[in-house]
Amino acid sequence: MKKRIIIAVLIIPCIFTLIWLGAIAKCEILTNLHGNEFTDGYKKTNMLDKIDYLKVLEYSGTTARIYYVGDGVRGDIIKFIKKDSKWELDKWEGTVWDAIGSADGTAWPYFYDSPDGLFKIIIYGLPSLIIIIILFRILVKNKKSKFTLS
């Protein structure tokens, strides 16, 4: 019973990590396939000067959500809608994070992009890693004894 609990606790962070990596893979694939359609889309806001890069968060034949990171100090999500074979600005969902302003959110799955992203990785990731290491050591120690899975 103890071994099953340890295995379950080990699997939970792995499941989260797989979901996160799957979301990043989806966005990276969408960005590679459709990113060039939105390289100048941010200009339609008349608010953003330039961008460092963009990520396609969601894409269908008629709508798209794009995450723009500009000057390394801000991240914005803009929604586009396709009208007459052209992408039009539908909605500026907002500034997710701004290093010099008051926005301090994150954009899933790119939460590490924001200025406090590294902090979030350390705060959430380090305890998880420590727990995984401790539980793994317990599991290995119990395996060396006559502890069996039943």
N, C-alpha and C. Protein backbone atom coordinates (compact mmCIF):
# COMPACT_ATOMS: atom_id res chain seq x y z
N MET A 1 0.82 -1.20 0.00
CA MET A 1 0.00 0.00 0.00
C MET A 1 0.86 1.26 0.00
N LYS A 2 1.91 1.25 0.84
CA LYS A 2 2.80 2.41 0.93
C LYS A 2 3.48 2.66 -0.41
N LYS A 3 3.86 1.59 -1.07
CA LYS A 3 4.55 1.70 -2.35
C LYS A 3 3.62 2.30 -3.40
N ARG A 4 2.36 1.94 -3.38
CA ARG A 4 1.40 2.49 -4.35
C ARG A 4 1.20 3.98 -4.14
N ILE A 5 1.16 4.42 -2.89
CA ILE A 5 1.02 5.85 -2.60
C ILE A 5 2.24 6.61 -3.12
N ILE A 6 3.41 6.07 -2.87
CA ILE A 6 4.64 6.71 -3.35
C ILE A 6 4.63 6.81 -4.87
N ILE A 7 4.27 5.74 -5.53
CA ILE A 7 4.22 5.75 -6.99
C ILE A 7 3.19 6.77 -7.49
N ALA A 8 2.05 6.84 -6.84
CA ALA A 8 1.01 7.81 -7.24
C ALA A 8 1.52 9.24 -7.08
N VAL A 9 2.20 9.51 -5.97
CA VAL A 9 2.73 10.86 -5.75
C VAL A 9 3.84 11.17 -6.75
N LEU A 10 4.58 10.18 -7.17
CA LEU A 10 5.61 10.39 -8.20
C LEU A 10 4.98 10.66 -9.56
N ILE A 11 3.88 10.02 -9.86
CA ILE A 11 3.26 10.13 -11.18
C ILE A 11 2.56 11.48 -11.38
N ILE A 12 1.98 12.05 -10.33
CA ILE A 12 1.22 13.29 -10.47
C ILE A 12 2.05 14.43 -11.06
N PRO A 13 3.26 14.74 -10.54
CA PRO A 13 4.05 15.80 -11.19
C PRO A 13 4.44 15.45 -12.63
N CYS A 14 4.63 14.17 -12.88
CA CYS A 14 4.97 13.75 -14.25
C CYS A 14 3.81 14.01 -15.20
N ILE A 15 2.59 13.77 -14.74
CA ILE A 15 1.41 14.03 -15.58
C ILE A 15 1.31 15.51 -15.89
N PHE A 16 1.49 16.36 -14.86
CA PHE A 16 1.45 17.81 -15.09
C PHE A 16 2.52 18.21 -16.11
N THR A 17 3.72 17.69 -15.94
CA THR A 17 4.81 18.02 -16.86
C THR A 17 4.49 17.59 -18.28
N LEU A 18 3.91 16.41 -18.44
CA LEU A 18 3.53 15.94 -19.78
C LEU A 18 2.46 16.83 -20.41
N ILE A 19 1.48 17.25 -19.60
CA ILE A 19 0.44 18.15 -20.12
C ILE A 19 1.06 19.47 -20.55
N TRP A 20 1.96 20.01 -19.73
CA TRP A 20 2.63 21.27 -20.03
C TRP A 20 3.47 21.15 -21.31
N LEU A 21 4.26 20.09 -21.40
CA LEU A 21 5.09 19.90 -22.59
C LEU A 21 4.23 19.67 -23.83
N GLY A 22 3.10 18.98 -23.66
CA GLY A 22 2.18 18.80 -24.78
C GLY A 22 1.61 20.13 -25.26
N ALA A 23 1.27 21.01 -24.32
CA ALA A 23 0.75 22.33 -24.68
C ALA A 23 1.82 23.16 -25.39
N ILE A 24 3.05 23.08 -24.91
CA ILE A 24 4.14 23.80 -25.58
C ILE A 24 4.36 23.24 -26.98
N ALA A 25 4.35 21.91 -27.11
CA ALA A 25 4.54 21.30 -28.43
C ALA A 25 3.44 21.74 -29.39
N LYS A 26 2.20 21.76 -28.92
CA LYS A 26 1.08 22.21 -29.76
C LYS A 26 1.31 23.64 -30.24
N CYS A 27 1.68 24.53 -29.32
CA CYS A 27 1.91 25.94 -29.69
C CYS A 27 3.09 26.08 -30.64
N GLU A 28 4.14 25.32 -30.41
CA GLU A 28 5.31 25.40 -31.29
C GLU A 28 4.98 24.90 -32.70
N ILE A 29 4.20 23.84 -32.78
CA ILE A 29 3.78 23.33 -34.09
C ILE A 29 2.91 24.35 -34.80
N LEU A 30 1.93 24.91 -34.07
CA LEU A 30 1.06 25.93 -34.67
C LEU A 30 1.86 27.15 -35.09
N THR A 31 2.85 27.53 -34.30
CA THR A 31 3.69 28.69 -34.65
C THR A 31 4.49 28.40 -35.91
N ASN A 32 5.05 27.20 -36.01
CA ASN A 32 5.81 26.85 -37.22
C ASN A 32 4.93 26.80 -38.46
N LEU A 33 3.70 26.33 -38.29
CA LEU A 33 2.79 26.21 -39.43
C LEU A 33 2.17 27.55 -39.84
N HIS A 34 1.80 28.38 -38.86
CA HIS A 34 0.99 29.56 -39.16
C HIS A 34 1.56 30.88 -38.65
N GLY A 35 2.70 30.84 -37.99
CA GLY A 35 3.25 32.06 -37.40
C GLY A 35 3.49 33.18 -38.38
N ASN A 36 3.93 32.82 -39.60
CA ASN A 36 4.22 33.86 -40.60
C ASN A 36 2.98 34.64 -41.03
N GLU A 37 1.79 34.11 -40.78
CA GLU A 37 0.56 34.82 -41.11
C GLU A 37 0.30 35.99 -40.17
N PHE A 38 1.01 36.01 -39.03
CA PHE A 38 0.72 37.00 -37.99
C PHE A 38 1.93 37.87 -37.62
N THR A 39 2.98 37.83 -38.44
CA THR A 39 4.18 38.58 -38.09
C THR A 39 3.94 40.08 -38.00
N ASP A 40 3.01 40.60 -38.77
CA ASP A 40 2.69 42.03 -38.71
C ASP A 40 1.34 42.30 -38.06
N GLY A 41 0.70 41.29 -37.54
CA GLY A 41 -0.64 41.44 -36.97
C GLY A 41 -0.68 42.39 -35.78
N TYR A 42 0.40 42.43 -35.00
CA TYR A 42 0.44 43.30 -33.83
C TYR A 42 0.30 44.77 -34.19
N LYS A 43 0.68 45.13 -35.42
CA LYS A 43 0.61 46.54 -35.84
C LYS A 43 -0.82 47.03 -35.93
N LYS A 44 -1.76 46.11 -36.09
CA LYS A 44 -3.17 46.50 -36.20
C LYS A 44 -3.72 47.05 -34.89
N THR A 45 -3.00 46.85 -33.80
CA THR A 45 -3.45 47.39 -32.51
C THR A 45 -3.15 48.87 -32.39
N ASN A 46 -2.18 49.36 -33.15
CA ASN A 46 -1.69 50.74 -33.04
C ASN A 46 -1.16 51.04 -31.64
N MET A 47 -0.79 50.01 -30.91
CA MET A 47 -0.27 50.18 -29.55
C MET A 47 1.11 49.56 -29.38
N LEU A 48 1.41 48.55 -30.15
CA LEU A 48 2.68 47.85 -30.01
C LEU A 48 3.65 48.32 -31.09
N ASP A 49 4.86 48.67 -30.67
CA ASP A 49 5.86 49.17 -31.62
C ASP A 49 6.54 48.05 -32.38
N LYS A 50 7.11 47.12 -31.64
CA LYS A 50 7.80 46.00 -32.28
C LYS A 50 7.72 44.79 -31.36
N ILE A 51 8.02 43.65 -31.93
CA ILE A 51 7.97 42.41 -31.15
C ILE A 51 9.29 41.67 -31.29
N ASP A 52 9.59 40.88 -30.28
CA ASP A 52 10.76 40.00 -30.34
C ASP A 52 10.37 38.68 -31.01
N TYR A 53 9.23 38.16 -30.64
CA TYR A 53 8.74 36.92 -31.24
C TYR A 53 7.25 36.78 -30.95
N LEU A 54 6.66 35.80 -31.60
CA LEU A 54 5.24 35.50 -31.37
C LEU A 54 5.07 34.00 -31.26
N LYS A 55 3.99 33.62 -30.60
CA LYS A 55 3.61 32.21 -30.48
C LYS A 55 2.13 32.10 -30.81
N VAL A 56 1.78 31.11 -31.60
CA VAL A 56 0.38 30.86 -31.93
C VAL A 56 -0.18 29.94 -30.84
N LEU A 57 -1.07 30.49 -30.01
CA LEU A 57 -1.65 29.71 -28.91
C LEU A 57 -2.79 28.82 -29.38
N GLU A 58 -3.64 29.38 -30.27
CA GLU A 58 -4.76 28.63 -30.83
C GLU A 58 -4.93 29.04 -32.28
N TYR A 59 -5.37 28.10 -33.10
CA TYR A 59 -5.55 28.39 -34.52
C TYR A 59 -6.64 27.48 -35.08
N SER A 60 -7.58 28.11 -35.77
CA SER A 60 -8.54 27.35 -36.57
C SER A 60 -8.59 28.06 -37.92
N GLY A 61 -9.39 27.60 -38.80
CA GLY A 61 -9.47 28.25 -40.11
C GLY A 61 -10.01 29.66 -40.06
N THR A 62 -10.71 29.99 -38.98
CA THR A 62 -11.36 31.31 -38.91
C THR A 62 -10.93 32.18 -37.74
N THR A 63 -10.32 31.59 -36.70
CA THR A 63 -9.87 32.38 -35.56
C THR A 63 -8.48 31.96 -35.13
N ALA A 64 -7.79 32.87 -34.45
CA ALA A 64 -6.46 32.57 -33.93
C ALA A 64 -6.18 33.46 -32.73
N ARG A 65 -5.47 32.88 -31.74
CA ARG A 65 -4.99 33.65 -30.59
C ARG A 65 -3.48 33.65 -30.65
N ILE A 66 -2.91 34.86 -30.64
CA ILE A 66 -1.47 35.01 -30.79
C ILE A 66 -0.90 35.69 -29.56
N TYR A 67 0.23 35.15 -29.10
CA TYR A 67 0.95 35.70 -27.94
C TYR A 67 2.18 36.42 -28.48
N TYR A 68 2.22 37.74 -28.33
CA TYR A 68 3.33 38.55 -28.79
C TYR A 68 4.19 38.97 -27.60
N VAL A 69 5.50 38.79 -27.72
CA VAL A 69 6.43 39.28 -26.70
C VAL A 69 7.26 40.37 -27.35
N GLY A 70 7.23 41.57 -26.74
CA GLY A 70 7.92 42.71 -27.33
C GLY A 70 8.96 43.30 -26.42
N ASP A 71 10.12 43.55 -26.98
CA ASP A 71 11.24 44.20 -26.29
C ASP A 71 11.64 43.49 -25.00
N GLY A 72 11.24 42.26 -24.85
CA GLY A 72 11.59 41.51 -23.65
C GLY A 72 10.97 42.06 -22.38
N VAL A 73 10.03 43.00 -22.52
CA VAL A 73 9.44 43.63 -21.34
C VAL A 73 7.93 43.49 -21.25
N ARG A 74 7.31 42.86 -22.25
CA ARG A 74 5.85 42.75 -22.20
C ARG A 74 5.38 41.56 -23.03
N GLY A 75 4.23 41.03 -22.64
CA GLY A 75 3.60 39.96 -23.39
C GLY A 75 2.12 40.28 -23.57
N ASP A 76 1.65 40.20 -24.79
CA ASP A 76 0.26 40.55 -25.11
C ASP A 76 -0.39 39.40 -25.88
N ILE A 77 -1.67 39.19 -25.63
CA ILE A 77 -2.43 38.19 -26.38
C ILE A 77 -3.48 38.92 -27.20
N ILE A 78 -3.46 38.62 -28.50
CA ILE A 78 -4.38 39.27 -29.44
C ILE A 78 -5.14 38.18 -30.19
N LYS A 79 -6.43 38.37 -30.33
CA LYS A 79 -7.28 37.42 -31.05
C LYS A 79 -7.59 37.99 -32.43
N PHE A 80 -7.44 37.14 -33.44
CA PHE A 80 -7.72 37.51 -34.82
C PHE A 80 -8.87 36.68 -35.36
N ILE A 81 -9.58 37.24 -36.31
CA ILE A 81 -10.65 36.53 -36.99
C ILE A 81 -10.43 36.71 -38.49
N LYS A 82 -10.70 35.67 -39.26
CA LYS A 82 -10.47 35.72 -40.70
C LYS A 82 -11.73 36.20 -41.41
N LYS A 83 -11.57 37.30 -42.16
CA LYS A 83 -12.67 37.85 -42.96
C LYS A 83 -12.15 38.08 -44.37
N ASP A 84 -12.85 37.56 -45.33
CA ASP A 84 -12.47 37.73 -46.74
C ASP A 84 -11.01 37.34 -46.97
N SER A 85 -10.60 36.21 -46.46
CA SER A 85 -9.25 35.65 -46.63
C SER A 85 -8.16 36.50 -45.98
N LYS A 86 -8.51 37.42 -45.09
CA LYS A 86 -7.51 38.25 -44.40
C LYS A 86 -7.75 38.17 -42.90
N TRP A 87 -6.65 38.17 -42.15
CA TRP A 87 -6.75 38.16 -40.70
C TRP A 87 -6.99 39.58 -40.20
N GLU A 88 -8.08 39.75 -39.46
CA GLU A 88 -8.45 41.05 -38.90
C GLU A 88 -8.35 40.97 -37.38
N LEU A 89 -7.99 42.08 -36.77
CA LEU A 89 -7.96 42.15 -35.32
C LEU A 89 -9.38 42.00 -34.79
N ASP A 90 -9.59 41.01 -33.95
CA ASP A 90 -10.91 40.80 -33.35
C ASP A 90 -10.95 41.41 -31.95
N LYS A 91 -9.92 41.10 -31.17
CA LYS A 91 -9.94 41.54 -29.78
C LYS A 91 -8.53 41.51 -29.21
N TRP A 92 -8.17 42.57 -28.52
CA TRP A 92 -6.92 42.58 -27.77
C TRP A 92 -7.28 42.03 -26.40
N GLU A 93 -6.88 40.80 -26.16
CA GLU A 93 -7.24 40.16 -24.89
C GLU A 93 -6.51 40.81 -23.72
N GLY A 94 -5.44 41.50 -24.02
CA GLY A 94 -4.77 42.26 -22.97
C GLY A 94 -3.30 41.99 -22.85
N THR A 95 -2.67 42.83 -22.06
CA THR A 95 -1.27 42.66 -21.73
C THR A 95 -1.21 41.67 -20.58
N VAL A 96 -0.55 40.56 -20.83
CA VAL A 96 -0.48 39.51 -19.83
C VAL A 96 0.54 39.87 -18.76
N TRP A 97 1.69 40.33 -19.19
CA TRP A 97 2.72 40.75 -18.25
C TRP A 97 3.48 41.92 -18.83
N ASP A 98 4.00 42.75 -17.95
CA ASP A 98 4.74 43.94 -18.35
C ASP A 98 5.80 44.19 -17.28
N ALA A 99 7.07 44.17 -17.68
CA ALA A 99 8.16 44.31 -16.72
C ALA A 99 8.19 45.68 -16.07
N ILE A 100 7.65 46.69 -16.74
CA ILE A 100 7.70 48.04 -16.18
C ILE A 100 6.32 48.58 -15.82
N GLY A 101 5.30 47.77 -15.93
CA GLY A 101 3.94 48.22 -15.65
C GLY A 101 3.28 47.40 -14.57
N SER A 102 1.98 47.36 -14.61
CA SER A 102 1.24 46.70 -13.53
C SER A 102 0.71 45.31 -13.90
N ALA A 103 0.87 44.88 -15.13
CA ALA A 103 0.39 43.56 -15.53
C ALA A 103 1.41 42.50 -15.10
N ASP A 104 0.96 41.51 -14.37
CA ASP A 104 1.89 40.50 -13.88
C ASP A 104 1.34 39.09 -14.00
N GLY A 105 0.56 38.84 -15.03
CA GLY A 105 0.00 37.52 -15.24
C GLY A 105 0.95 36.62 -16.02
N THR A 106 0.42 35.50 -16.44
CA THR A 106 1.18 34.56 -17.26
C THR A 106 0.30 34.05 -18.39
N ALA A 107 0.94 33.55 -19.41
CA ALA A 107 0.21 32.99 -20.55
C ALA A 107 0.54 31.50 -20.64
N TRP A 108 -0.46 30.67 -20.42
CA TRP A 108 -0.25 29.23 -20.53
C TRP A 108 0.01 28.87 -21.97
N PRO A 109 0.98 28.12 -22.32
CA PRO A 109 1.91 27.39 -21.46
C PRO A 109 3.22 28.13 -21.24
N TYR A 110 3.30 29.38 -21.67
CA TYR A 110 4.57 30.11 -21.62
C TYR A 110 4.69 30.95 -20.37
N PHE A 111 4.43 30.37 -19.20
CA PHE A 111 4.49 31.15 -17.97
C PHE A 111 5.90 31.56 -17.61
N TYR A 112 6.91 30.92 -18.16
CA TYR A 112 8.30 31.25 -17.86
C TYR A 112 8.78 32.49 -18.62
N ASP A 113 7.98 33.02 -19.55
CA ASP A 113 8.38 34.21 -20.30
C ASP A 113 8.34 35.48 -19.48
N SER A 114 7.44 35.54 -18.52
CA SER A 114 7.27 36.76 -17.75
C SER A 114 8.46 36.98 -16.82
N PRO A 115 8.66 38.22 -16.36
CA PRO A 115 9.81 38.49 -15.48
C PRO A 115 9.83 37.63 -14.23
N ASP A 116 8.66 37.29 -13.71
CA ASP A 116 8.64 36.45 -12.53
C ASP A 116 8.49 34.97 -12.88
N GLY A 117 8.63 34.65 -14.15
CA GLY A 117 8.48 33.26 -14.60
C GLY A 117 9.51 32.33 -13.99
N LEU A 118 10.78 32.77 -13.94
CA LEU A 118 11.82 31.95 -13.34
C LEU A 118 11.51 31.71 -11.87
N PHE A 119 11.03 32.75 -11.21
CA PHE A 119 10.63 32.64 -9.81
C PHE A 119 9.54 31.58 -9.65
N LYS A 120 8.56 31.60 -10.56
CA LYS A 120 7.46 30.63 -10.49
C LYS A 120 7.97 29.21 -10.72
N ILE A 121 8.91 29.06 -11.64
CA ILE A 121 9.47 27.73 -11.89
C ILE A 121 10.19 27.24 -10.63
N ILE A 122 10.94 28.13 -9.99
CA ILE A 122 11.67 27.74 -8.78
C ILE A 122 10.70 27.42 -7.65
N ILE A 123 9.71 28.28 -7.45
CA ILE A 123 8.76 28.10 -6.35
C ILE A 123 7.95 26.81 -6.51
N TYR A 124 7.49 26.53 -7.74
CA TYR A 124 6.66 25.34 -7.96
C TYR A 124 7.49 24.10 -8.30
N GLY A 125 8.56 24.31 -9.03
CA GLY A 125 9.34 23.19 -9.51
C GLY A 125 10.29 22.59 -8.50
N LEU A 126 10.96 23.45 -7.73
CA LEU A 126 11.96 22.95 -6.79
C LEU A 126 11.35 22.06 -5.71
N PRO A 127 10.27 22.48 -5.05
CA PRO A 127 9.67 21.56 -4.07
C PRO A 127 9.21 20.25 -4.70
N SER A 128 8.65 20.34 -5.90
CA SER A 128 8.22 19.12 -6.59
C SER A 128 9.40 18.21 -6.87
N LEU A 129 10.50 18.79 -7.31
CA LEU A 129 11.70 18.01 -7.59
C LEU A 129 12.24 17.36 -6.32
N ILE A 130 12.25 18.11 -5.23
CA ILE A 130 12.73 17.57 -3.96
C ILE A 130 11.85 16.41 -3.50
N ILE A 131 10.54 16.59 -3.61
CA ILE A 131 9.60 15.52 -3.22
C ILE A 131 9.82 14.28 -4.09
N ILE A 132 9.99 14.49 -5.39
CA ILE A 132 10.21 13.36 -6.30
C ILE A 132 11.49 12.62 -5.93
N ILE A 133 12.56 13.36 -5.64
CA ILE A 133 13.84 12.73 -5.27
C ILE A 133 13.69 11.93 -3.98
N ILE A 134 13.05 12.53 -2.98
CA ILE A 134 12.87 11.84 -1.70
C ILE A 134 12.04 10.57 -1.88
N LEU A 135 10.93 10.69 -2.60
CA LEU A 135 10.07 9.52 -2.80
C LEU A 135 10.77 8.45 -3.63
N PHE A 136 11.55 8.87 -4.62
CA PHE A 136 12.29 7.91 -5.44
C PHE A 136 13.30 7.16 -4.58
N ARG A 137 13.98 7.89 -3.68
CA ARG A 137 14.95 7.23 -2.80
C ARG A 137 14.26 6.23 -1.87
N ILE A 138 13.09 6.63 -1.36
CA ILE A 138 12.32 5.70 -0.51
C ILE A 138 11.93 4.46 -1.30
N LEU A 139 11.50 4.68 -2.54
CA LEU A 139 11.09 3.57 -3.39
C LEU A 139 12.26 2.63 -3.66
N VAL A 140 13.43 3.19 -3.97
CA VAL A 140 14.62 2.37 -4.24
C VAL A 140 15.05 1.64 -2.97
N LYS A 141 15.02 2.34 -1.84
CA LYS A 141 15.40 1.72 -0.57
C LYS A 141 14.47 0.56 -0.25
N ASN A 142 13.18 0.76 -0.45
CA ASN A 142 12.21 -0.31 -0.17
C ASN A 142 12.34 -1.47 -1.16
N LYS A 143 12.79 -1.16 -2.36
CA LYS A 143 12.95 -2.22 -3.36
C LYS A 143 14.10 -3.14 -2.95
N LYS A 144 15.12 -2.56 -2.32
CA LYS A 144 16.26 -3.37 -1.88
C LYS A 144 15.86 -4.28 -0.72
N SER A 145 14.88 -3.84 0.05
CA SER A 145 14.38 -4.72 1.11
C SER A 145 13.38 -5.70 0.49
N LYS A 146 12.67 -6.43 1.31
CA LYS A 146 11.73 -7.41 0.77
C LYS A 146 10.35 -6.81 0.55
N PHE A 147 10.29 -5.55 0.20
CA PHE A 147 9.03 -4.83 -0.05
C PHE A 147 8.58 -5.15 -1.47
N THR A 148 7.40 -5.71 -1.63
CA THR A 148 6.91 -6.08 -2.96
C THR A 148 5.59 -5.40 -3.25
N LEU A 149 5.34 -5.21 -4.52
CA LEU A 149 4.08 -4.62 -4.97
C LEU A 149 3.01 -5.71 -4.97
N SER A 150 1.91 -5.42 -4.29
CA SER A 150 0.85 -6.43 -4.25
C SER A 150 -0.46 -5.85 -4.72
